[in-house]
Protein backbone atom coordinates (compact mmCIF):
# COMPACT_ATOMS: atom_id res chain seq x y z
CA MET A 1 45.36 16.17 89.08
CA PHE A 2 48.73 15.77 90.84
CA VAL A 3 50.11 19.12 92.00
CA LEU A 4 53.25 19.66 94.12
CA PRO A 5 52.27 21.08 97.56
CA TRP A 6 54.61 24.17 97.08
CA TYR A 7 52.91 24.70 93.72
CA LYS A 8 49.42 24.20 94.68
CA ASP A 9 49.61 26.93 97.57
CA SER A 10 51.38 29.51 95.31
CA GLU A 11 49.70 32.72 94.39
CA PHE A 12 50.29 31.79 90.74
CA TRP A 13 48.04 28.87 91.20
CA LYS A 14 45.39 30.96 92.85
CA ILE A 15 45.26 33.24 90.31
CA TRP A 16 45.32 30.83 87.33
CA TRP A 17 42.47 28.86 88.67
CA SER A 18 40.26 30.81 90.75
CA ASP A 19 36.96 31.94 89.12
CA ARG A 20 38.20 30.81 85.51
CA LEU A 21 35.63 30.30 82.90
CA PRO A 22 35.02 26.49 82.68
CA LEU A 23 36.97 24.92 79.69
CA LEU A 24 33.73 23.68 78.10
CA HIS A 25 32.76 27.49 77.95
CA LEU A 26 36.05 28.35 76.34
CA VAL A 27 35.74 25.47 73.79
CA VAL A 28 32.28 26.31 72.70
CA LEU A 29 33.10 30.01 72.36
CA ALA A 30 36.29 29.05 70.31
CA VAL A 31 34.43 26.55 67.96
CA VAL A 32 31.56 28.90 67.48
CA GLN A 33 34.01 31.71 66.61
CA GLY A 34 36.27 29.62 64.22
CA ILE A 35 33.22 28.19 62.32
CA THR A 36 31.13 31.28 62.04
CA GLU A 37 33.73 34.14 61.32
CA PHE A 38 34.34 33.56 57.74
CA LEU A 39 30.86 32.02 56.97
CA PRO A 40 28.42 34.62 56.09
CA VAL A 41 26.28 33.85 59.14
CA SER A 42 27.79 36.32 61.68
CA SER A 43 30.26 35.20 64.33
CA SER A 44 29.29 38.24 66.84
CA GLY A 45 25.78 37.22 66.58
CA HIS A 46 26.55 33.59 67.52
CA LEU A 47 28.94 34.45 70.19
CA ALA A 48 26.33 36.69 71.72
CA LEU A 49 23.78 34.06 71.81
CA VAL A 50 26.11 31.50 73.55
CA PRO A 51 25.24 32.63 77.18
CA VAL A 52 21.66 33.00 76.09
CA PHE A 53 21.33 29.42 75.12
CA THR A 54 23.70 27.84 77.58
CA GLY A 55 22.72 30.15 80.82
CA TRP A 56 26.26 30.80 81.12
CA GLN A 57 27.55 34.26 82.01
CA ASP A 58 28.27 36.54 79.29
CA GLN A 59 31.88 36.17 78.33
CA GLY A 60 32.23 40.01 77.23
CA LEU A 61 33.64 41.57 74.20
CA LEU A 62 37.28 41.02 75.44
CA LEU A 63 36.79 37.37 74.93
CA ASP A 64 34.99 37.79 71.87
CA VAL A 65 37.91 39.85 70.39
CA ALA A 66 40.23 37.09 71.70
CA VAL A 67 38.58 34.39 69.53
CA HIS A 68 38.42 36.82 66.76
CA VAL A 69 42.10 37.26 66.82
CA GLY A 70 42.53 33.39 66.84
CA THR A 71 40.70 33.35 63.48
CA LEU A 72 43.19 35.99 62.11
CA GLY A 73 45.81 33.46 62.30
CA ALA A 74 43.82 30.95 60.31
CA VAL A 75 43.00 33.59 57.48
CA VAL A 76 46.56 34.85 57.53
CA LEU A 77 47.77 31.00 56.81
CA TYR A 78 45.25 30.48 54.13
CA LEU A 79 45.64 33.83 52.32
CA SER A 80 49.73 33.53 52.60
CA THR A 81 50.21 33.70 48.95
CA ASP A 82 48.11 36.75 48.50
CA ILE A 83 49.52 38.49 51.49
CA TRP A 84 53.03 37.77 50.52
CA GLY A 85 52.19 39.25 46.98
CA ILE A 86 50.79 42.45 48.44
CA LEU A 87 53.99 42.78 50.84
CA VAL A 88 56.20 42.30 47.94
CA GLY A 89 54.17 44.72 45.58
CA MET A 90 54.23 47.29 48.38
CA ILE A 91 58.20 47.01 48.25
CA ARG A 92 58.21 47.25 44.61
CA VAL A 93 56.15 50.37 44.84
CA MET A 94 58.62 51.91 47.36
CA ARG A 95 61.33 51.34 44.80
CA GLY A 96 59.49 53.33 42.17
CA ARG A 97 57.90 50.32 40.17
CA ARG A 98 54.43 49.54 39.56
CA ASP A 99 52.59 46.61 40.97
CA PRO A 100 48.80 45.75 41.12
CA LYS A 101 49.14 43.87 44.33
CA ALA A 102 50.19 47.18 45.88
CA VAL A 103 47.14 49.05 44.55
CA LEU A 104 45.07 46.13 46.17
CA ALA A 105 46.80 46.76 49.51
CA LEU A 106 45.86 50.66 49.04
CA TYR A 107 42.00 49.54 48.41
CA ILE A 108 42.06 47.21 51.39
CA VAL A 109 43.25 50.20 53.52
CA LEU A 110 40.62 52.65 52.13
CA ALA A 111 37.82 49.80 52.49
CA THR A 112 38.89 49.61 55.95
CA ILE A 113 38.79 53.45 57.21
CA PRO A 114 34.81 53.51 57.45
CA VAL A 115 34.64 50.65 59.79
CA VAL A 116 37.51 51.90 61.83
CA ILE A 117 35.96 55.40 62.32
CA ALA A 118 32.46 53.90 63.08
CA GLY A 119 34.11 51.24 65.38
CA TYR A 120 35.90 54.05 67.39
CA PHE A 121 32.71 55.84 68.15
CA MET A 122 30.85 52.57 68.79
CA ASN A 123 33.56 51.66 71.37
CA LYS A 124 33.47 54.96 72.86
CA TYR A 125 29.54 55.42 73.34
CA TYR A 126 28.40 51.87 73.44
CA PRO A 127 31.28 49.75 74.75
CA GLY A 128 28.91 46.64 75.49
CA GLY A 129 27.82 46.78 71.74
CA PHE A 130 24.31 45.77 70.73
CA ARG A 131 23.51 42.21 71.91
CA SER A 132 19.90 42.00 72.37
CA ILE A 133 18.25 38.77 70.78
CA LEU A 134 15.81 40.93 68.85
CA VAL A 135 18.57 42.91 67.29
CA ILE A 136 20.43 39.89 66.45
CA GLY A 137 17.25 37.97 65.17
CA TRP A 138 16.33 40.87 62.79
CA ALA A 139 19.89 41.34 61.39
CA THR A 140 20.24 37.57 60.82
CA LEU A 141 17.05 37.47 58.98
CA GLY A 142 17.36 40.73 56.98
CA PHE A 143 20.84 40.36 56.03
CA GLY A 144 20.44 36.78 55.17
CA ILE A 145 17.65 37.74 52.79
CA PHE A 146 19.83 40.39 51.40
CA LEU A 147 22.75 37.93 50.78
CA ALA A 148 20.23 35.77 48.88
CA ILE A 149 19.29 38.84 46.91
CA THR A 150 22.60 40.04 45.99
CA ASP A 151 23.82 36.46 45.35
CA TRP A 152 21.02 35.97 42.83
CA LEU A 153 21.18 39.30 40.96
CA GLY A 154 24.85 39.48 41.07
CA MET A 155 26.79 38.59 37.90
CA THR A 156 29.91 36.36 38.04
CA VAL A 157 32.02 38.40 35.59
CA ARG A 158 34.51 40.13 37.72
CA ARG A 159 37.66 38.77 39.59
CA MET A 160 39.64 40.45 42.21
CA GLU A 161 42.16 41.95 39.74
CA HIS A 162 39.26 43.96 38.37
CA ILE A 163 38.57 45.85 41.67
CA ARG A 164 38.45 49.56 41.52
CA LEU A 165 38.49 52.40 44.03
CA SER A 166 34.89 52.76 43.93
CA ASP A 167 34.38 49.32 44.65
CA ALA A 168 36.61 49.35 47.55
CA LEU A 169 34.87 52.16 49.15
CA ILE A 170 31.38 50.63 48.57
CA ILE A 171 32.32 47.42 50.13
CA GLY A 172 33.94 49.41 52.98
CA VAL A 173 30.82 51.38 53.72
CA PHE A 174 28.54 48.25 53.88
CA GLN A 175 31.12 46.94 56.24
CA ILE A 176 29.90 49.15 58.68
CA LEU A 177 26.87 47.35 59.12
CA ALA A 178 28.70 44.54 60.59
CA LEU A 179 29.18 46.29 63.89
CA ILE A 180 25.48 45.21 64.37
CA PRO A 181 25.54 41.56 66.00
CA GLY A 182 23.73 39.33 63.39
CA THR A 183 24.72 41.31 60.30
CA SER A 184 28.08 39.17 59.59
CA ARG A 185 30.94 41.19 58.55
CA SER A 186 31.93 38.53 55.95
CA GLY A 187 28.31 38.28 54.81
CA ILE A 188 27.83 41.90 54.26
CA THR A 189 30.99 42.28 52.41
CA MET A 190 30.52 39.33 50.15
CA SER A 191 26.94 40.62 49.52
CA ALA A 192 28.38 44.00 48.52
CA ALA A 193 31.13 42.31 46.33
CA ARG A 194 28.36 39.87 44.67
CA LEU A 195 26.01 43.25 43.89
CA LEU A 196 29.09 44.66 42.27
CA GLY A 197 29.45 41.64 40.02
CA PHE A 198 32.43 39.66 41.35
CA GLU A 199 32.54 35.96 41.56
CA ARG A 200 31.76 34.15 44.88
CA LEU A 201 35.42 32.88 45.43
CA ASP A 202 37.05 36.49 44.80
CA ALA A 203 34.13 37.97 46.91
CA ALA A 204 34.84 35.58 49.56
CA ARG A 205 38.89 36.32 49.32
CA PHE A 206 38.52 39.97 49.15
CA SER A 207 35.98 39.64 52.31
CA MET A 208 38.80 37.62 54.06
CA LEU A 209 41.67 40.03 53.27
CA LEU A 210 39.46 42.83 54.51
CA SER A 211 38.79 41.03 57.81
CA ILE A 212 42.62 41.32 58.65
CA PRO A 213 43.05 45.03 59.35
CA ALA A 214 39.53 45.00 61.00
CA ILE A 215 40.56 42.09 63.48
CA VAL A 216 44.04 43.69 64.11
CA GLY A 217 42.44 47.12 65.00
CA ALA A 218 39.82 45.36 67.24
CA GLY A 219 42.42 43.09 68.86
CA VAL A 220 44.85 45.96 69.36
CA LEU A 221 42.11 48.17 71.01
CA LYS A 222 40.60 45.42 73.26
CA GLY A 223 44.07 44.04 73.85
CA LEU A 224 45.35 47.12 75.49
CA GLU A 225 42.35 46.92 77.57
CA LEU A 226 43.03 43.40 78.60
CA TYR A 227 46.65 44.37 79.37
CA GLU A 228 45.62 47.22 81.55
CA THR A 229 43.30 45.24 83.67
CA GLY A 230 46.32 42.94 84.74
CA ASN A 231 43.87 40.00 85.05
CA ALA A 232 46.04 37.06 84.61
CA GLN A 233 43.12 34.70 84.66
CA LEU A 234 41.22 36.60 81.78
CA THR A 235 44.44 36.72 79.76
CA SER A 236 45.05 33.03 79.95
CA ASP A 237 41.35 32.45 79.05
CA ALA A 238 41.69 34.62 75.80
CA LEU A 239 44.86 32.96 74.90
CA MET A 240 43.55 29.54 75.11
CA ALA A 241 40.29 30.50 73.54
CA GLY A 242 42.20 32.14 70.58
CA GLY A 243 44.29 28.99 69.97
CA MET A 244 41.35 26.91 69.58
CA ALA A 245 39.57 29.41 67.30
CA PHE A 246 42.43 29.16 64.99
CA VAL A 247 41.96 25.49 64.33
CA ALA A 248 38.35 25.70 63.93
CA ALA A 249 38.40 28.70 61.57
CA LEU A 250 40.80 26.96 59.33
CA VAL A 251 38.76 24.01 58.91
CA ALA A 252 35.62 26.21 58.29
CA ILE A 253 37.54 28.27 55.59
CA LEU A 254 38.85 25.26 53.60
CA ILE A 255 35.06 23.83 53.71
CA MET A 256 33.66 27.16 52.72
CA MET A 257 35.99 27.77 49.88
CA ALA A 258 35.72 24.22 48.48
CA TRP A 259 31.76 24.75 48.43
CA LEU A 260 31.87 28.06 46.62
CA ARG A 261 33.94 26.64 44.14
CA ARG A 262 30.85 24.80 42.66
CA ALA A 263 27.65 26.03 44.55
CA SER A 264 25.97 29.29 45.79
CA PHE A 265 25.45 30.91 49.28
CA ALA A 266 21.94 29.14 49.41
CA PRO A 267 22.67 26.89 52.49
CA PHE A 268 23.96 30.00 54.43
CA VAL A 269 20.78 31.85 53.18
CA PHE A 270 18.44 28.98 54.49
CA TYR A 271 20.27 28.86 57.76
CA ARG A 272 20.15 32.48 58.47
CA VAL A 273 16.58 32.71 57.77
CA ALA A 274 15.61 29.69 59.89
CA LEU A 275 17.90 31.00 62.92
CA GLY A 276 16.42 34.53 62.54
CA CYS A 277 12.90 33.51 62.78
CA VAL A 278 13.58 31.16 65.64
CA LEU A 279 15.28 34.11 67.47
CA LEU A 280 12.60 36.62 66.77
CA ALA A 281 10.09 34.11 68.12
CA ILE A 282 11.99 33.71 71.40
CA GLY A 283 12.43 37.44 71.37
CA TYR A 284 8.75 38.19 70.96
CA ASP A 285 7.94 35.22 73.55
CA LEU A 286 6.14 33.30 70.88
CA ILE A 287 8.19 30.13 71.89
CA LEU A 288 10.02 29.10 74.90
């Protein structure tokens, strides 16, 4: 690479390039996060497995959150019509009018409160999270089977406009389980919605809407930590990985929603069961 001599010797250059994560590492993190965030397969579990299978250093929760924020942009773009309707509905309510979209916004807030409280205590007492391969393996397998059961038992008679306060609270409580890597935030909320009788597409849409405040909360919390470190290298890595995750997530959302229009969650269940069994076999030293 051609670099001007004065630029090569500058402090900016030294800070930017010294001890950065390799570009391939950032690409893998971004693609893994982008593909798995909204699929019911657990993005946090997959991110924790990246250093396990590659031998790379653990990227840490800060970069994990950075790629989560990148996927936030993708879901906001995909659900822009729903989000705009919610914003307009809230304005109408402020003007003294009734609007069902504003009620949906209230339900999203209420469904988010449980995981915010649980996430606060998790960050306080277990800032590193639970990243054991056995934890991820059991969660991947167990909640994969749970997804299969709820998808099989759940009736497809309710749409998102049928959601009630009790539904939002139940889904919100289930979302707490997503703090365990391998559970899958999207998977557990879709499972809860299917158990309550919501159609697959609407279960996925509500799950994605719920992801917005959850990701924003985690992003703000860890973003402040990132800012306080004053680490230019880590900040640039986070921005780069987040941008790539945005692209990967948008593609994954389009594919998943197209699939759910005509089929079930079966492929995701098979993948989770297979991956969970492999991880448990590795964790208990049965293979490798």
